[in-house]
Amino acid sequence: MAKTDSLFLMRAQVVEDWVDYNNHLNDAYYTLIFSHAGDALLEHIGLGKAGRAETGRTIYTTDLIIHYLREVKLGASVGVSCRILESDGKRIRIWFEMAHPEGGLAATSEQVYICIDQNGEKPRAAHWPEHVGKAIVALVAEHAHAPWPEAAGRGVSLKRHG
């Protein structure tokens, strides 16, 4: 398997309904785009629509943070890629990057997904299905050489001066 820094997931074009009163991509639509990228990741690792139906497993998002880095305007096309920073038998920590159409990054999102078994009386945390777990391990290995994202693990705070 060739080593890469990330897995390209999707491209989205900013439509009129997605821009705010400042004529920029509204913050809610960054979230929507990252959510669709997460769906593409699930397809890639075998937990897309068919995989969920076959196994009764799904994911819940337990943590999500977005760092807005550059304005994105109406009509712009953005690409989203990701890498899995770490994983265990039930969870993955994902780093998404939204490429700005003029180069560099428009935004990043760090998210944690937990595997949920929907079989039985109520949903509960569960181990990844075997084929999904193997796909996750393969992605972690493929991206392990990439530098750790500087903002990974950084929460929200105000910088104090003086």
Protein backbone atom coordinates (compact mmCIF):
# COMPACT_ATOMS: atom_id res chain seq x y z
CA MET A 1 0.00 0.00 0.00
CA ALA A 2 1.40 3.41 -0.96
CA LYS A 3 1.86 5.86 1.90
CA THR A 4 -0.11 9.07 1.64
CA ASP A 5 -0.75 11.93 4.04
CA SER A 6 -4.53 11.66 3.77
CA LEU A 7 -7.49 10.05 2.05
CA PHE A 8 -9.37 12.28 -0.41
CA LEU A 9 -13.10 11.93 0.29
CA MET A 10 -15.15 14.42 -1.70
CA ARG A 11 -15.59 17.77 -3.41
CA ALA A 12 -18.43 20.24 -2.75
CA GLN A 13 -19.44 23.44 -4.49
CA VAL A 14 -20.77 26.31 -2.37
CA VAL A 15 -24.34 27.12 -3.44
CA GLU A 16 -26.38 30.25 -2.77
CA ASP A 17 -28.37 28.74 0.11
CA TRP A 18 -25.10 28.08 1.97
CA VAL A 19 -23.79 31.65 2.14
CA ASP A 20 -24.48 34.02 5.01
CA TYR A 21 -25.09 37.76 5.27
CA ASN A 22 -21.34 38.34 4.84
CA ASN A 23 -21.43 36.47 1.51
CA HIS A 24 -19.27 33.68 2.98
CA LEU A 25 -19.96 30.00 3.53
CA ASN A 26 -22.12 29.88 6.68
CA ASP A 27 -20.58 28.02 9.61
CA ALA A 28 -23.40 25.44 9.60
CA TYR A 29 -22.48 24.41 6.06
CA TYR A 30 -18.86 23.75 6.95
CA THR A 31 -20.36 21.24 9.38
CA LEU A 32 -22.60 19.82 6.65
CA ILE A 33 -19.67 19.38 4.27
CA PHE A 34 -17.56 17.69 6.96
CA SER A 35 -20.54 15.45 7.81
CA HIS A 36 -20.85 14.36 4.17
CA ALA A 37 -17.10 13.71 4.14
CA GLY A 38 -17.59 11.50 7.20
CA ASP A 39 -20.24 9.56 5.28
CA ALA A 40 -17.72 9.05 2.47
CA LEU A 41 -15.17 7.79 5.01
CA LEU A 42 -17.72 5.31 6.36
CA GLU A 43 -18.31 4.02 2.82
CA HIS A 44 -14.55 3.64 2.38
CA ILE A 45 -14.10 1.56 5.55
CA GLY A 46 -17.15 -0.66 4.91
CA LEU A 47 -19.70 0.97 7.18
CA GLY A 48 -21.72 2.78 4.52
CA LYS A 49 -25.42 2.13 3.95
CA ALA A 50 -24.94 -1.51 2.95
CA GLY A 51 -22.48 -2.18 5.78
CA ARG A 52 -24.81 -0.66 8.37
CA ALA A 53 -27.74 -2.75 7.09
CA GLU A 54 -25.67 -5.94 7.08
CA THR A 55 -24.09 -5.54 10.54
CA GLY A 56 -26.59 -3.43 12.49
CA ARG A 57 -23.63 -1.20 13.41
CA THR A 58 -23.43 2.53 12.92
CA ILE A 59 -21.46 5.43 14.38
CA TYR A 60 -22.30 8.23 16.75
CA THR A 61 -20.19 11.37 16.77
CA THR A 62 -19.04 12.04 20.33
CA ASP A 63 -16.76 15.05 19.77
CA LEU A 64 -16.47 17.61 17.00
CA ILE A 65 -14.52 20.83 16.66
CA ILE A 66 -14.08 23.00 13.58
CA HIS A 67 -11.30 25.52 13.05
CA TYR A 68 -12.29 28.13 10.46
CA LEU A 69 -9.15 29.32 8.69
CA ARG A 70 -10.17 31.17 5.50
CA GLU A 71 -13.33 32.56 3.97
CA VAL A 72 -15.03 30.48 1.30
CA LYS A 73 -17.34 32.32 -1.09
CA LEU A 74 -20.32 31.49 -3.27
CA GLY A 75 -19.46 29.20 -6.17
CA ALA A 76 -16.17 28.02 -4.68
CA SER A 77 -15.31 24.34 -4.91
CA VAL A 78 -13.72 22.79 -1.82
CA GLY A 79 -12.20 19.36 -1.40
CA VAL A 80 -12.18 17.37 1.82
CA SER A 81 -9.67 14.76 2.87
CA CYS A 82 -9.01 13.03 6.16
CA ARG A 83 -6.74 10.83 8.15
CA ILE A 84 -7.43 8.70 11.18
CA LEU A 85 -5.21 9.99 13.96
CA GLU A 86 -5.85 7.12 16.34
CA SER A 87 -8.24 4.28 16.95
CA ASP A 88 -9.19 1.54 19.32
CA GLY A 89 -11.65 -1.34 19.09
CA LYS A 90 -14.68 0.96 19.27
CA ARG A 91 -13.58 4.51 18.39
CA ILE A 92 -11.71 6.53 15.80
CA ARG A 93 -10.31 10.03 16.03
CA ILE A 94 -10.42 11.69 12.62
CA TRP A 95 -8.70 14.79 11.27
CA PHE A 96 -10.56 16.34 8.31
CA GLU A 97 -9.09 19.07 6.11
CA MET A 98 -11.08 21.29 3.76
CA ALA A 99 -8.90 22.61 0.94
CA HIS A 100 -9.43 26.24 -0.06
CA PRO A 101 -9.90 26.75 -3.82
CA GLU A 102 -6.98 29.21 -3.90
CA GLY A 103 -4.65 26.84 -2.05
CA GLY A 104 -4.06 26.02 1.58
CA LEU A 105 -6.82 25.15 4.02
CA ALA A 106 -10.24 26.70 4.47
CA ALA A 107 -11.04 24.74 7.64
CA THR A 108 -10.19 21.67 9.67
CA SER A 109 -12.40 19.45 11.79
CA GLU A 110 -11.40 16.96 14.44
CA GLN A 111 -14.01 14.35 15.31
CA VAL A 112 -14.40 11.21 17.36
CA TYR A 113 -16.76 8.47 16.20
CA ILE A 114 -17.85 5.55 18.34
CA CYS A 115 -19.18 2.29 16.91
CA ILE A 116 -22.76 1.58 17.99
CA ASP A 117 -24.57 -1.75 17.77
CA GLN A 118 -28.22 -1.06 17.01
CA ASN A 119 -29.28 -4.69 17.37
CA GLY A 120 -31.16 -5.50 20.53
CA GLU A 121 -33.37 -3.39 22.77
CA LYS A 122 -31.27 -0.24 22.78
CA PRO A 123 -28.16 1.04 21.01
CA ARG A 124 -24.88 0.34 22.78
CA ALA A 125 -21.17 0.85 22.15
CA ALA A 126 -19.63 -2.12 20.34
CA HIS A 127 -16.45 -3.25 18.62
CA TRP A 128 -16.04 -2.48 14.94
CA PRO A 129 -17.08 -5.30 12.63
CA GLU A 130 -13.92 -7.23 11.71
CA HIS A 131 -13.69 -5.94 8.12
CA VAL A 132 -14.18 -2.34 9.30
CA GLY A 133 -11.54 -2.71 12.01
CA LYS A 134 -9.06 -3.99 9.42
CA ALA A 135 -9.81 -1.05 7.10
CA ILE A 136 -9.27 1.38 9.98
CA VAL A 137 -5.93 -0.22 10.94
CA ALA A 138 -4.83 -0.03 7.29
CA LEU A 139 -5.65 3.71 7.09
CA VAL A 140 -3.88 4.46 10.36
CA ALA A 141 -0.78 2.68 9.04
CA GLU A 142 -0.98 4.40 5.66
CA HIS A 143 -1.03 7.86 7.25
CA ALA A 144 1.24 7.18 10.24
CA HIS A 145 4.26 8.88 8.62
CA ALA A 146 2.41 12.19 8.14
CA PRO A 147 3.22 14.98 10.58
CA TRP A 148 0.78 15.39 13.46
CA PRO A 149 -1.62 18.30 12.78
CA GLU A 150 -0.61 21.27 14.93
CA ALA A 151 -4.19 22.02 16.00
CA ALA A 152 -5.10 18.39 16.80
CA GLY A 153 -6.35 18.10 20.35
CA ARG A 154 -6.59 21.86 20.75
CA GLY A 155 -9.81 22.92 22.36
CA VAL A 156 -11.39 26.33 22.46
CA SER A 157 -9.99 29.17 24.56
CA LEU A 158 -9.25 32.87 24.46
CA LYS A 159 -5.58 33.76 24.24
CA ARG A 160 -4.53 35.88 27.18
CA HIS A 161 -2.20 38.79 26.53
CA GLY A 162 -0.22 40.75 29.09
